[in-house]
Amino acid sequence: MKKNIGASKEEMFETWVTELGYNKAVLISCCYPIKTVIEQSEEWAEAEVEAIS
């Protein structure tokens, strides 16, 4: 039997929202490079989320 090790996608997303904010969490979940997302402003993240919506 295989054990489930690690956090679920939902848990990871909740952590990103708490630490980085909703917009940056969305971008990370869409496979944007984490380093790029962290280094950018919240305004940039909001514009990117709007662009991909």
PDB file of N, CA and C in Angstrom:
ATOM      1  N   MET A   1       0.839  -1.172   0.000  1.00  0.00           N
ATOM      2  CA  MET A   1       0.000   0.000   0.000  1.00  0.00           C
ATOM      3  C   MET A   1       0.895   1.251   0.000  1.00  0.00           C
ATOM      4  N   LYS A   2       0.573   2.227  -0.848  1.00  0.00           N
ATOM      5  CA  LYS A   2       1.349   3.445  -0.969  1.00  0.00           C
ATOM      6  C   LYS A   2       0.813   4.497   0.000  1.00  0.00           C
ATOM      7  N   LYS A   3       1.715   5.117   0.758  1.00  0.00           N
ATOM      8  CA  LYS A   3       1.320   6.173   1.679  1.00  0.00           C
ATOM      9  C   LYS A   3       1.301   7.516   0.955  1.00  0.00           C
ATOM     10  N   ASN A   4       0.391   8.377   1.354  1.00  0.00           N
ATOM     11  CA  ASN A   4       0.317   9.734   0.823  1.00  0.00           C
ATOM     12  C   ASN A   4       1.272  10.602   1.629  1.00  0.00           C
ATOM     13  N   ILE A   5       2.364  11.009   1.012  1.00  0.00           N
ATOM     14  CA  ILE A   5       3.371  11.809   1.689  1.00  0.00           C
ATOM     15  C   ILE A   5       3.329  13.219   1.120  1.00  0.00           C
ATOM     16  N   GLY A   6       3.374  14.215   1.994  1.00  0.00           N
ATOM     17  CA  GLY A   6       3.413  15.602   1.553  1.00  0.00           C
ATOM     18  C   GLY A   6       2.063  16.277   1.638  1.00  0.00           C
ATOM     19  N   ALA A   7       2.059  17.528   1.246  1.00  0.00           N
ATOM     20  CA  ALA A   7       0.859  18.341   1.299  1.00  0.00           C
ATOM     21  C   ALA A   7       0.054  18.192   0.014  1.00  0.00           C
ATOM     22  N   SER A   8      -1.239  18.375   0.137  1.00  0.00           N
ATOM     23  CA  SER A   8      -2.099  18.334  -1.042  1.00  0.00           C
ATOM     24  C   SER A   8      -1.971  19.649  -1.810  1.00  0.00           C
ATOM     25  N   LYS A   9      -2.468  19.670  -3.021  1.00  0.00           N
ATOM     26  CA  LYS A   9      -2.445  20.893  -3.827  1.00  0.00           C
ATOM     27  C   LYS A   9      -3.193  22.017  -3.126  1.00  0.00           C
ATOM     28  N   GLU A  10      -4.296  21.667  -2.503  1.00  0.00           N
ATOM     29  CA  GLU A  10      -5.107  22.664  -1.799  1.00  0.00           C
ATOM     30  C   GLU A  10      -4.342  23.253  -0.618  1.00  0.00           C
ATOM     31  N   GLU A  11      -3.640  22.407   0.123  1.00  0.00           N
ATOM     32  CA  GLU A  11      -2.854  22.883   1.259  1.00  0.00           C
ATOM     33  C   GLU A  11      -1.721  23.794   0.797  1.00  0.00           C
ATOM     34  N   MET A  12      -1.075  23.424  -0.284  1.00  0.00           N
ATOM     35  CA  MET A  12       0.001  24.248  -0.821  1.00  0.00           C
ATOM     36  C   MET A  12      -0.536  25.606  -1.276  1.00  0.00           C
ATOM     37  N   PHE A  13      -1.662  25.611  -1.973  1.00  0.00           N
ATOM     38  CA  PHE A  13      -2.249  26.866  -2.442  1.00  0.00           C
ATOM     39  C   PHE A  13      -2.601  27.757  -1.262  1.00  0.00           C
ATOM     40  N   GLU A  14      -3.203  27.193  -0.215  1.00  0.00           N
ATOM     41  CA  GLU A  14      -3.553  27.972   0.981  1.00  0.00           C
ATOM     42  C   GLU A  14      -2.307  28.585   1.620  1.00  0.00           C
ATOM     43  N   THR A  15      -1.223  27.837   1.650  1.00  0.00           N
ATOM     44  CA  THR A  15       0.035  28.350   2.205  1.00  0.00           C
ATOM     45  C   THR A  15       0.554  29.501   1.367  1.00  0.00           C
ATOM     46  N   TRP A  16       0.529  29.353   0.042  1.00  0.00           N
ATOM     47  CA  TRP A  16       0.979  30.433  -0.842  1.00  0.00           C
ATOM     48  C   TRP A  16       0.128  31.682  -0.660  1.00  0.00           C
ATOM     49  N   VAL A  17      -1.186  31.517  -0.526  1.00  0.00           N
ATOM     50  CA  VAL A  17      -2.072  32.670  -0.324  1.00  0.00           C
ATOM     51  C   VAL A  17      -1.698  33.380   0.966  1.00  0.00           C
ATOM     52  N   THR A  18      -1.488  32.616   2.021  1.00  0.00           N
ATOM     53  CA  THR A  18      -1.138  33.198   3.313  1.00  0.00           C
ATOM     54  C   THR A  18       0.188  33.935   3.249  1.00  0.00           C
ATOM     55  N   GLU A  19       1.182  33.331   2.610  1.00  0.00           N
ATOM     56  CA  GLU A  19       2.530  33.899   2.580  1.00  0.00           C
ATOM     57  C   GLU A  19       2.721  34.984   1.526  1.00  0.00           C
ATOM     58  N   LEU A  20       2.076  34.829   0.356  1.00  0.00           N
ATOM     59  CA  LEU A  20       2.367  35.704  -0.779  1.00  0.00           C
ATOM     60  C   LEU A  20       1.181  36.526  -1.269  1.00  0.00           C
ATOM     61  N   GLY A  21      -0.010  36.144  -0.892  1.00  0.00           N
ATOM     62  CA  GLY A  21      -1.204  36.808  -1.403  1.00  0.00           C
ATOM     63  C   GLY A  21      -1.848  35.970  -2.506  1.00  0.00           C
ATOM     64  N   TYR A  22      -3.114  36.240  -2.747  1.00  0.00           N
ATOM     65  CA  TYR A  22      -3.895  35.439  -3.682  1.00  0.00           C
ATOM     66  C   TYR A  22      -3.341  35.468  -5.099  1.00  0.00           C
ATOM     67  N   ASN A  23      -3.039  36.661  -5.617  1.00  0.00           N
ATOM     68  CA  ASN A  23      -2.595  36.764  -7.012  1.00  0.00           C
ATOM     69  C   ASN A  23      -1.301  36.003  -7.266  1.00  0.00           C
ATOM     70  N   LYS A  24      -0.336  36.122  -6.372  1.00  0.00           N
ATOM     71  CA  LYS A  24       0.925  35.407  -6.546  1.00  0.00           C
ATOM     72  C   LYS A  24       0.711  33.900  -6.404  1.00  0.00           C
ATOM     73  N   ALA A  25      -0.197  33.502  -5.530  1.00  0.00           N
ATOM     74  CA  ALA A  25      -0.510  32.072  -5.387  1.00  0.00           C
ATOM     75  C   ALA A  25      -1.091  31.520  -6.679  1.00  0.00           C
ATOM     76  N   VAL A  26      -1.960  32.282  -7.326  1.00  0.00           N
ATOM     77  CA  VAL A  26      -2.549  31.857  -8.599  1.00  0.00           C
ATOM     78  C   VAL A  26      -1.455  31.669  -9.642  1.00  0.00           C
ATOM     79  N   LEU A  27      -0.531  32.613  -9.721  1.00  0.00           N
ATOM     80  CA  LEU A  27       0.532  32.528 -10.717  1.00  0.00           C
ATOM     81  C   LEU A  27       1.438  31.328 -10.479  1.00  0.00           C
ATOM     82  N   ILE A  28       1.781  31.068  -9.228  1.00  0.00           N
ATOM     83  CA  ILE A  28       2.602  29.896  -8.924  1.00  0.00           C
ATOM     84  C   ILE A  28       1.855  28.625  -9.290  1.00  0.00           C
ATOM     85  N   SER A  29       0.567  28.580  -9.013  1.00  0.00           N
ATOM     86  CA  SER A  29      -0.204  27.381  -9.351  1.00  0.00           C
ATOM     87  C   SER A  29      -0.353  27.203 -10.856  1.00  0.00           C
ATOM     88  N   CYS A  30      -0.138  28.283 -11.628  1.00  0.00           N
ATOM     89  CA  CYS A  30      -0.171  28.210 -13.097  1.00  0.00           C
ATOM     90  C   CYS A  30       1.217  27.965 -13.681  1.00  0.00           C
ATOM     91  N   CYS A  31       2.150  27.549 -12.850  1.00  0.00           N
ATOM     92  CA  CYS A  31       3.507  27.174 -13.268  1.00  0.00           C
ATOM     93  C   CYS A  31       4.396  28.352 -13.655  1.00  0.00           C
ATOM     94  N   TYR A  32       4.104  29.534 -13.155  1.00  0.00           N
ATOM     95  CA  TYR A  32       5.056  30.631 -13.292  1.00  0.00           C
ATOM     96  C   TYR A  32       6.253  30.300 -12.408  1.00  0.00           C
ATOM     97  N   PRO A  33       7.461  30.720 -12.792  1.00  0.00           N
ATOM     98  CA  PRO A  33       8.640  30.454 -11.955  1.00  0.00           C
ATOM     99  C   PRO A  33       8.487  31.124 -10.581  1.00  0.00           C
ATOM    100  N   ILE A  34       8.679  30.349  -9.536  1.00  0.00           N
ATOM    101  CA  ILE A  34       8.463  30.847  -8.177  1.00  0.00           C
ATOM    102  C   ILE A  34       9.336  32.070  -7.889  1.00  0.00           C
ATOM    103  N   LYS A  35      10.602  32.009  -8.259  1.00  0.00           N
ATOM    104  CA  LYS A  35      11.508  33.131  -7.997  1.00  0.00           C
ATOM    105  C   LYS A  35      11.005  34.407  -8.678  1.00  0.00           C
ATOM    106  N   THR A  36      10.545  34.290  -9.895  1.00  0.00           N
ATOM    107  CA  THR A  36      10.019  35.445 -10.629  1.00  0.00           C
ATOM    108  C   THR A  36       8.817  36.039  -9.911  1.00  0.00           C
ATOM    109  N   VAL A  37       7.907  35.183  -9.490  1.00  0.00           N
ATOM    110  CA  VAL A  37       6.681  35.638  -8.822  1.00  0.00           C
ATOM    111  C   VAL A  37       7.018  36.348  -7.516  1.00  0.00           C
ATOM    112  N   ILE A  38       7.899  35.769  -6.737  1.00  0.00           N
ATOM    113  CA  ILE A  38       8.245  36.343  -5.433  1.00  0.00           C
ATOM    114  C   ILE A  38       8.896  37.716  -5.589  1.00  0.00           C
ATOM    115  N   GLU A  39       9.722  37.869  -6.606  1.00  0.00           N
ATOM    116  CA  GLU A  39      10.462  39.116  -6.803  1.00  0.00           C
ATOM    117  C   GLU A  39       9.614  40.255  -7.365  1.00  0.00           C
ATOM    118  N   GLN A  40       8.468  39.948  -7.936  1.00  0.00           N
ATOM    119  CA  GLN A  40       7.640  40.975  -8.562  1.00  0.00           C
ATOM    120  C   GLN A  40       6.687  41.618  -7.555  1.00  0.00           C
ATOM    121  N   SER A  41       6.170  42.782  -7.924  1.00  0.00           N
ATOM    122  CA  SER A  41       5.243  43.516  -7.066  1.00  0.00           C
ATOM    123  C   SER A  41       3.850  42.884  -7.109  1.00  0.00           C
ATOM    124  N   GLU A  42       3.044  43.261  -6.165  1.00  0.00           N
ATOM    125  CA  GLU A  42       1.662  42.789  -6.129  1.00  0.00           C
ATOM    126  C   GLU A  42       0.883  43.336  -7.327  1.00  0.00           C
ATOM    127  N   GLU A  43       1.212  44.559  -7.745  1.00  0.00           N
ATOM    128  CA  GLU A  43       0.548  45.153  -8.912  1.00  0.00           C
ATOM    129  C   GLU A  43       0.836  44.331 -10.170  1.00  0.00           C
ATOM    130  N   TRP A  44       2.080  43.901 -10.331  1.00  0.00           N
ATOM    131  CA  TRP A  44       2.448  43.045 -11.460  1.00  0.00           C
ATOM    132  C   TRP A  44       1.651  41.749 -11.410  1.00  0.00           C
ATOM    133  N   ALA A  45       1.603  41.143 -10.237  1.00  0.00           N
ATOM    134  CA  ALA A  45       0.890  39.869 -10.082  1.00  0.00           C
ATOM    135  C   ALA A  45      -0.591  40.042 -10.421  1.00  0.00           C
ATOM    136  N   GLU A  46      -1.185  41.122  -9.965  1.00  0.00           N
ATOM    137  CA  GLU A  46      -2.599  41.365 -10.262  1.00  0.00           C
ATOM    138  C   GLU A  46      -2.825  41.526 -11.760  1.00  0.00           C
ATOM    139  N   ALA A  47      -1.929  42.255 -12.435  1.00  0.00           N
ATOM    140  CA  ALA A  47      -2.060  42.436 -13.893  1.00  0.00           C
ATOM    141  C   ALA A  47      -1.899  41.107 -14.619  1.00  0.00           C
ATOM    142  N   GLU A  48      -0.973  40.272 -14.186  1.00  0.00           N
ATOM    143  CA  GLU A  48      -0.775  38.965 -14.817  1.00  0.00           C
ATOM    144  C   GLU A  48      -1.994  38.075 -14.645  1.00  0.00           C
ATOM    145  N   VAL A  49      -2.562  38.067 -13.448  1.00  0.00           N
ATOM    146  CA  VAL A  49      -3.754  37.251 -13.189  1.00  0.00           C
ATOM    147  C   VAL A  49      -4.903  37.728 -14.070  1.00  0.00           C
ATOM    148  N   GLU A  50      -5.073  39.035 -14.191  1.00  0.00           N
ATOM    149  CA  GLU A  50      -6.125  39.561 -15.062  1.00  0.00           C
ATOM    150  C   GLU A  50      -5.877  39.172 -16.513  1.00  0.00           C
ATOM    151  N   ALA A  51      -4.634  39.163 -16.939  1.00  0.00           N
ATOM    152  CA  ALA A  51      -4.292  38.828 -18.317  1.00  0.00           C
ATOM    153  C   ALA A  51      -4.582  37.358 -18.646  1.00  0.00           C
ATOM    154  N   ILE A  52      -4.406  36.478 -17.673  1.00  0.00           N
ATOM    155  CA  ILE A  52      -4.635  35.055 -17.942  1.00  0.00           C
ATOM    156  C   ILE A  52      -6.067  34.622 -17.655  1.00  0.00           C
ATOM    157  N   SER A  53      -6.858  35.525 -17.078  1.00  0.00           N
ATOM    158  CA  SER A  53      -8.259  35.175 -16.764  1.00  0.00           C
ATOM    159  C   SER A  53      -9.153  35.250 -17.968  1.00  0.00           C
TER     160      SER A  53
END
